[in-house]
Amino acid sequence: MDTVLPLDRMTVEEKLRVIEVLWDDLCRHEKQLPVTDWQKQLLDERKQQIQTGKAKFSDWDAAKKRIRERTS
């Protein structure tokens, strides 16, 4: 299926909204997404860092706010 978006006529906000919609849809079907060996290894390493306290999770809304503050 070919989907054509008018990217040259879309605002940045519209493009970001499309990305969010796509991401939400992919998350609903995560079992269908392939995971490569290097991705699995990276996820295992990050899981280990969380379990040992070397890393921690950030609330997604707080993380987006920090990113926006750094880039604006």
PDB file of N, CA and C in Angstrom:
ATOM      1  N   MET A   1       0.840  -1.181   0.000  1.00  0.00           N
ATOM      2  CA  MET A   1       0.000   0.000   0.000  1.00  0.00           C
ATOM      3  C   MET A   1       0.883   1.241   0.000  1.00  0.00           C
ATOM      4  N   ASP A   2       0.670   2.104  -0.948  1.00  0.00           N
ATOM      5  CA  ASP A   2       1.403   3.362  -0.992  1.00  0.00           C
ATOM      6  C   ASP A   2       0.566   4.460  -0.358  1.00  0.00           C
ATOM      7  N   THR A   3       1.173   5.161   0.588  1.00  0.00           N
ATOM      8  CA  THR A   3       0.516   6.291   1.219  1.00  0.00           C
ATOM      9  C   THR A   3       1.331   7.526   0.920  1.00  0.00           C
ATOM     10  N   VAL A   4       0.672   8.524   0.407  1.00  0.00           N
ATOM     11  CA  VAL A   4       1.363   9.759   0.050  1.00  0.00           C
ATOM     12  C   VAL A   4       0.871  10.864   0.975  1.00  0.00           C
ATOM     13  N   LEU A   5       1.794  11.492   1.658  1.00  0.00           N
ATOM     14  CA  LEU A   5       1.468  12.621   2.525  1.00  0.00           C
ATOM     15  C   LEU A   5       1.977  13.899   1.872  1.00  0.00           C
ATOM     16  N   PRO A   6       1.251  14.973   2.005  1.00  0.00           N
ATOM     17  CA  PRO A   6       1.705  16.247   1.433  1.00  0.00           C
ATOM     18  C   PRO A   6       2.755  16.907   2.333  1.00  0.00           C
ATOM     19  N   LEU A   7       3.883  16.259   2.477  1.00  0.00           N
ATOM     20  CA  LEU A   7       4.903  16.712   3.430  1.00  0.00           C
ATOM     21  C   LEU A   7       5.342  18.145   3.189  1.00  0.00           C
ATOM     22  N   ASP A   8       5.423  18.540   1.938  1.00  0.00           N
ATOM     23  CA  ASP A   8       5.869  19.906   1.646  1.00  0.00           C
ATOM     24  C   ASP A   8       4.840  20.957   2.042  1.00  0.00           C
ATOM     25  N   ARG A   9       3.593  20.534   2.289  1.00  0.00           N
ATOM     26  CA  ARG A   9       2.553  21.471   2.705  1.00  0.00           C
ATOM     27  C   ARG A   9       2.186  21.333   4.176  1.00  0.00           C
ATOM     28  N   MET A  10       2.798  20.380   4.863  1.00  0.00           N
ATOM     29  CA  MET A  10       2.473  20.146   6.267  1.00  0.00           C
ATOM     30  C   MET A  10       3.361  20.988   7.172  1.00  0.00           C
ATOM     31  N   THR A  11       2.779  21.452   8.276  1.00  0.00           N
ATOM     32  CA  THR A  11       3.565  22.172   9.277  1.00  0.00           C
ATOM     33  C   THR A  11       4.370  21.165  10.098  1.00  0.00           C
ATOM     34  N   VAL A  12       5.315  21.646  10.836  1.00  0.00           N
ATOM     35  CA  VAL A  12       6.094  20.781  11.713  1.00  0.00           C
ATOM     36  C   VAL A  12       5.174  20.104  12.720  1.00  0.00           C
ATOM     37  N   GLU A  13       4.234  20.857  13.253  1.00  0.00           N
ATOM     38  CA  GLU A  13       3.310  20.293  14.227  1.00  0.00           C
ATOM     39  C   GLU A  13       2.487  19.155  13.611  1.00  0.00           C
ATOM     40  N   GLU A  14       2.038  19.329  12.364  1.00  0.00           N
ATOM     41  CA  GLU A  14       1.268  18.277  11.699  1.00  0.00           C
ATOM     42  C   GLU A  14       2.131  17.036  11.474  1.00  0.00           C
ATOM     43  N   LYS A  15       3.363  17.242  11.087  1.00  0.00           N
ATOM     44  CA  LYS A  15       4.274  16.112  10.865  1.00  0.00           C
ATOM     45  C   LYS A  15       4.521  15.357  12.170  1.00  0.00           C
ATOM     46  N   LEU A  16       4.721  16.097  13.244  1.00  0.00           N
ATOM     47  CA  LEU A  16       4.937  15.453  14.538  1.00  0.00           C
ATOM     48  C   LEU A  16       3.695  14.680  14.972  1.00  0.00           C
ATOM     49  N   ARG A  17       2.526  15.215  14.685  1.00  0.00           N
ATOM     50  CA  ARG A  17       1.282  14.513  15.040  1.00  0.00           C
ATOM     51  C   ARG A  17       1.177  13.194  14.272  1.00  0.00           C
ATOM     52  N   VAL A  18       1.554  13.216  12.993  1.00  0.00           N
ATOM     53  CA  VAL A  18       1.538  11.985  12.202  1.00  0.00           C
ATOM     54  C   VAL A  18       2.491  10.961  12.815  1.00  0.00           C
ATOM     55  N   ILE A  19       3.670  11.416  13.220  1.00  0.00           N
ATOM     56  CA  ILE A  19       4.641  10.518  13.849  1.00  0.00           C
ATOM     57  C   ILE A  19       4.046   9.914  15.118  1.00  0.00           C
ATOM     58  N   GLU A  20       3.384  10.735  15.924  1.00  0.00           N
ATOM     59  CA  GLU A  20       2.781  10.240  17.162  1.00  0.00           C
ATOM     60  C   GLU A  20       1.693   9.207  16.880  1.00  0.00           C
ATOM     61  N   VAL A  21       0.870   9.455  15.858  1.00  0.00           N
ATOM     62  CA  VAL A  21      -0.192   8.510  15.506  1.00  0.00           C
ATOM     63  C   VAL A  21       0.412   7.184  15.054  1.00  0.00           C
ATOM     64  N   LEU A  22       1.441   7.254  14.213  1.00  0.00           N
ATOM     65  CA  LEU A  22       2.121   6.040  13.759  1.00  0.00           C
ATOM     66  C   LEU A  22       2.739   5.287  14.927  1.00  0.00           C
ATOM     67  N   TRP A  23       3.408   6.016  15.810  1.00  0.00           N
ATOM     68  CA  TRP A  23       4.064   5.383  16.956  1.00  0.00           C
ATOM     69  C   TRP A  23       3.038   4.698  17.855  1.00  0.00           C
ATOM     70  N   ASP A  24       1.920   5.385  18.114  1.00  0.00           N
ATOM     71  CA  ASP A  24       0.867   4.790  18.939  1.00  0.00           C
ATOM     72  C   ASP A  24       0.347   3.499  18.314  1.00  0.00           C
ATOM     73  N   ASP A  25       0.168   3.518  16.998  1.00  0.00           N
ATOM     74  CA  ASP A  25      -0.313   2.325  16.315  1.00  0.00           C
ATOM     75  C   ASP A  25       0.712   1.196  16.388  1.00  0.00           C
ATOM     76  N   LEU A  26       1.976   1.510  16.182  1.00  0.00           N
ATOM     77  CA  LEU A  26       3.021   0.487  16.288  1.00  0.00           C
ATOM     78  C   LEU A  26       3.064  -0.107  17.691  1.00  0.00           C
ATOM     79  N   CYS A  27       2.879   0.719  18.698  1.00  0.00           N
ATOM     80  CA  CYS A  27       2.899   0.234  20.080  1.00  0.00           C
ATOM     81  C   CYS A  27       1.753  -0.730  20.352  1.00  0.00           C
ATOM     82  N   ARG A  28       0.626  -0.535  19.703  1.00  0.00           N
ATOM     83  CA  ARG A  28      -0.505  -1.445  19.879  1.00  0.00           C
ATOM     84  C   ARG A  28      -0.247  -2.798  19.221  1.00  0.00           C
ATOM     85  N   HIS A  29       0.739  -2.861  18.345  1.00  0.00           N
ATOM     86  CA  HIS A  29       1.058  -4.101  17.639  1.00  0.00           C
ATOM     87  C   HIS A  29       2.525  -4.488  17.846  1.00  0.00           C
ATOM     88  N   GLU A  30       3.041  -4.230  19.029  1.00  0.00           N
ATOM     89  CA  GLU A  30       4.465  -4.428  19.283  1.00  0.00           C
ATOM     90  C   GLU A  30       4.940  -5.863  19.097  1.00  0.00           C
ATOM     91  N   LYS A  31       4.070  -6.813  19.320  1.00  0.00           N
ATOM     92  CA  LYS A  31       4.469  -8.224  19.159  1.00  0.00           C
ATOM     93  C   LYS A  31       4.834  -8.549  17.711  1.00  0.00           C
ATOM     94  N   GLN A  32       4.337  -7.758  16.771  1.00  0.00           N
ATOM     95  CA  GLN A  32       4.606  -7.986  15.357  1.00  0.00           C
ATOM     96  C   GLN A  32       5.909  -7.335  14.891  1.00  0.00           C
ATOM     97  N   LEU A  33       6.506  -6.491  15.734  1.00  0.00           N
ATOM     98  CA  LEU A  33       7.728  -5.791  15.345  1.00  0.00           C
ATOM     99  C   LEU A  33       8.944  -6.694  15.524  1.00  0.00           C
ATOM    100  N   PRO A  34       9.767  -6.793  14.502  1.00  0.00           N
ATOM    101  CA  PRO A  34      10.973  -7.621  14.644  1.00  0.00           C
ATOM    102  C   PRO A  34      11.991  -6.930  15.545  1.00  0.00           C
ATOM    103  N   VAL A  35      12.716  -7.719  16.312  1.00  0.00           N
ATOM    104  CA  VAL A  35      13.791  -7.206  17.169  1.00  0.00           C
ATOM    105  C   VAL A  35      15.066  -7.929  16.756  1.00  0.00           C
ATOM    106  N   THR A  36      16.063  -7.141  16.367  1.00  0.00           N
ATOM    107  CA  THR A  36      17.336  -7.741  15.950  1.00  0.00           C
ATOM    108  C   THR A  36      18.139  -8.168  17.172  1.00  0.00           C
ATOM    109  N   ASP A  37      19.165  -8.955  16.949  1.00  0.00           N
ATOM    110  CA  ASP A  37      20.016  -9.413  18.056  1.00  0.00           C
ATOM    111  C   ASP A  37      20.672  -8.243  18.778  1.00  0.00           C
ATOM    112  N   TRP A  38      21.153  -7.248  18.019  1.00  0.00           N
ATOM    113  CA  TRP A  38      21.827  -6.125  18.683  1.00  0.00           C
ATOM    114  C   TRP A  38      20.829  -5.294  19.480  1.00  0.00           C
ATOM    115  N   GLN A  39      19.572  -5.193  19.021  1.00  0.00           N
ATOM    116  CA  GLN A  39      18.564  -4.471  19.787  1.00  0.00           C
ATOM    117  C   GLN A  39      18.235  -5.219  21.077  1.00  0.00           C
ATOM    118  N   LYS A  40      18.110  -6.545  20.979  1.00  0.00           N
ATOM    119  CA  LYS A  40      17.837  -7.347  22.175  1.00  0.00           C
ATOM    120  C   LYS A  40      18.973  -7.211  23.174  1.00  0.00           C
ATOM    121  N   GLN A  41      20.211  -7.238  22.694  1.00  0.00           N
ATOM    122  CA  GLN A  41      21.358  -7.090  23.580  1.00  0.00           C
ATOM    123  C   GLN A  41      21.332  -5.723  24.272  1.00  0.00           C
ATOM    124  N   LEU A  42      21.032  -4.679  23.520  1.00  0.00           N
ATOM    125  CA  LEU A  42      20.961  -3.341  24.090  1.00  0.00           C
ATOM    126  C   LEU A  42      19.851  -3.252  25.134  1.00  0.00           C
ATOM    127  N   LEU A  43      18.693  -3.825  24.837  1.00  0.00           N
ATOM    128  CA  LEU A  43      17.591  -3.821  25.800  1.00  0.00           C
ATOM    129  C   LEU A  43      17.946  -4.604  27.061  1.00  0.00           C
ATOM    130  N   ASP A  44      18.634  -5.732  26.896  1.00  0.00           N
ATOM    131  CA  ASP A  44      19.066  -6.521  28.049  1.00  0.00           C
ATOM    132  C   ASP A  44      20.047  -5.732  28.912  1.00  0.00           C
ATOM    133  N   GLU A  45      20.966  -5.004  28.259  1.00  0.00           N
ATOM    134  CA  GLU A  45      21.928  -4.184  29.006  1.00  0.00           C
ATOM    135  C   GLU A  45      21.214  -3.081  29.773  1.00  0.00           C
ATOM    136  N   ARG A  46      20.249  -2.444  29.138  1.00  0.00           N
ATOM    137  CA  ARG A  46      19.504  -1.366  29.812  1.00  0.00           C
ATOM    138  C   ARG A  46      18.675  -1.916  30.966  1.00  0.00           C
ATOM    139  N   LYS A  47      18.086  -3.094  30.775  1.00  0.00           N
ATOM    140  CA  LYS A  47      17.324  -3.723  31.852  1.00  0.00           C
ATOM    141  C   LYS A  47      18.230  -3.989  33.048  1.00  0.00           C
ATOM    142  N   GLN A  48      19.438  -4.458  32.771  1.00  0.00           N
ATOM    143  CA  GLN A  48      20.411  -4.719  33.834  1.00  0.00           C
ATOM    144  C   GLN A  48      20.780  -3.427  34.563  1.00  0.00           C
ATOM    145  N   GLN A  49      20.952  -2.337  33.805  1.00  0.00           N
ATOM    146  CA  GLN A  49      21.278  -1.047  34.424  1.00  0.00           C
ATOM    147  C   GLN A  49      20.153  -0.562  35.337  1.00  0.00           C
ATOM    148  N   ILE A  50      18.925  -0.788  34.932  1.00  0.00           N
ATOM    149  CA  ILE A  50      17.777  -0.416  35.768  1.00  0.00           C
ATOM    150  C   ILE A  50      17.772  -1.257  37.041  1.00  0.00           C
ATOM    151  N   GLN A  51      17.993  -2.559  36.899  1.00  0.00           N
ATOM    152  CA  GLN A  51      17.948  -3.461  38.050  1.00  0.00           C
ATOM    153  C   GLN A  51      19.058  -3.172  39.056  1.00  0.00           C
ATOM    154  N   THR A  52      20.216  -2.713  38.573  1.00  0.00           N
ATOM    155  CA  THR A  52      21.333  -2.430  39.475  1.00  0.00           C
ATOM    156  C   THR A  52      21.340  -0.991  39.985  1.00  0.00           C
ATOM    157  N   GLY A  53      20.384  -0.178  39.507  1.00  0.00           N
ATOM    158  CA  GLY A  53      20.311   1.208  39.961  1.00  0.00           C
ATOM    159  C   GLY A  53      21.237   2.154  39.217  1.00  0.00           C
ATOM    160  N   LYS A  54      21.905   1.691  38.170  1.00  0.00           N
ATOM    161  CA  LYS A  54      22.807   2.554  37.393  1.00  0.00           C
ATOM    162  C   LYS A  54      22.047   3.448  36.425  1.00  0.00           C
ATOM    163  N   ALA A  55      20.774   3.175  36.216  1.00  0.00           N
ATOM    164  CA  ALA A  55      19.925   3.980  35.350  1.00  0.00           C
ATOM    165  C   ALA A  55      18.524   3.977  35.940  1.00  0.00           C
ATOM    166  N   LYS A  56      17.718   4.948  35.517  1.00  0.00           N
ATOM    167  CA  LYS A  56      16.343   4.997  35.992  1.00  0.00           C
ATOM    168  C   LYS A  56      15.441   5.497  34.875  1.00  0.00           C
ATOM    169  N   PHE A  57      14.151   5.238  35.020  1.00  0.00           N
ATOM    170  CA  PHE A  57      13.164   5.680  34.050  1.00  0.00           C
ATOM    171  C   PHE A  57      12.798   7.128  34.307  1.00  0.00           C
ATOM    172  N   SER A  58      12.436   7.813  33.236  1.00  0.00           N
ATOM    173  CA  SER A  58      11.893   9.164  33.345  1.00  0.00           C
ATOM    174  C   SER A  58      10.447   9.133  32.897  1.00  0.00           C
ATOM    175  N   ASP A  59       9.617   9.915  33.556  1.00  0.00           N
ATOM    176  CA  ASP A  59       8.254  10.092  33.109  1.00  0.00           C
ATOM    177  C   ASP A  59       8.290  10.701  31.705  1.00  0.00           C
ATOM    178  N   TRP A  60       7.511  10.152  30.763  1.00  0.00           N
ATOM    179  CA  TRP A  60       7.578  10.579  29.370  1.00  0.00           C
ATOM    180  C   TRP A  60       7.229  12.052  29.215  1.00  0.00           C
ATOM    181  N   ASP A  61       6.207  12.535  29.904  1.00  0.00           N
ATOM    182  CA  ASP A  61       5.849  13.949  29.787  1.00  0.00           C
ATOM    183  C   ASP A  61       6.968  14.845  30.310  1.00  0.00           C
ATOM    184  N   ALA A  62       7.595  14.450  31.406  1.00  0.00           N
ATOM    185  CA  ALA A  62       8.711  15.230  31.946  1.00  0.00           C
ATOM    186  C   ALA A  62       9.912  15.193  30.995  1.00  0.00           C
ATOM    187  N   ALA A  63      10.152  14.038  30.389  1.00  0.00           N
ATOM    188  CA  ALA A  63      11.262  13.919  29.439  1.00  0.00           C
ATOM    189  C   ALA A  63      11.027  14.797  28.216  1.00  0.00           C
ATOM    190  N   LYS A  64       9.805  14.801  27.683  1.00  0.00           N
ATOM    191  CA  LYS A  64       9.495  15.656  26.530  1.00  0.00           C
ATOM    192  C   LYS A  64       9.689  17.129  26.888  1.00  0.00           C
ATOM    193  N   LYS A  65       9.281  17.501  28.100  1.00  0.00           N
ATOM    194  CA  LYS A  65       9.439  18.895  28.533  1.00  0.00           C
ATOM    195  C   LYS A  65      10.915  19.267  28.582  1.00  0.00           C
ATOM    196  N   ARG A  66      11.753  18.372  29.140  1.00  0.00           N
ATOM    197  CA  ARG A  66      13.207  18.638  29.200  1.00  0.00           C
ATOM    198  C   ARG A  66      13.800  18.779  27.800  1.00  0.00           C
ATOM    199  N   ILE A  67      13.374  17.900  26.895  1.00  0.00           N
ATOM    200  CA  ILE A  67      13.880  17.955  25.533  1.00  0.00           C
ATOM    201  C   ILE A  67      13.478  19.261  24.858  1.00  0.00           C
ATOM    202  N   ARG A  68      12.231  19.644  25.026  1.00  0.00           N
ATOM    203  CA  ARG A  68      11.768  20.910  24.426  1.00  0.00           C
ATOM    204  C   ARG A  68      12.525  22.101  24.991  1.00  0.00           C
ATOM    205  N   GLU A  69      12.780  22.096  26.283  1.00  0.00           N
ATOM    206  CA  GLU A  69      13.523  23.204  26.903  1.00  0.00           C
ATOM    207  C   GLU A  69      14.943  23.281  26.386  1.00  0.00           C
ATOM    208  N   ARG A  70      15.564  22.137  26.145  1.00  0.00           N
ATOM    209  CA  ARG A  70      16.945  22.101  25.648  1.00  0.00           C
ATOM    210  C   ARG A  70      17.061  22.520  24.192  1.00  0.00           C
ATOM    211  N   THR A  71      15.993  22.302  23.434  1.00  0.00           N
ATOM    212  CA  THR A  71      16.082  22.543  21.995  1.00  0.00           C
ATOM    213  C   THR A  71      15.386  23.813  21.537  1.00  0.00           C
ATOM    214  N   SER A  72      14.822  24.566  22.462  1.00  0.00           N
ATOM    215  CA  SER A  72      14.142  25.790  22.031  1.00  0.00           C
ATOM    216  C   SER A  72      14.916  27.027  22.424  1.00  0.00           C
TER     217      SER A  72
END
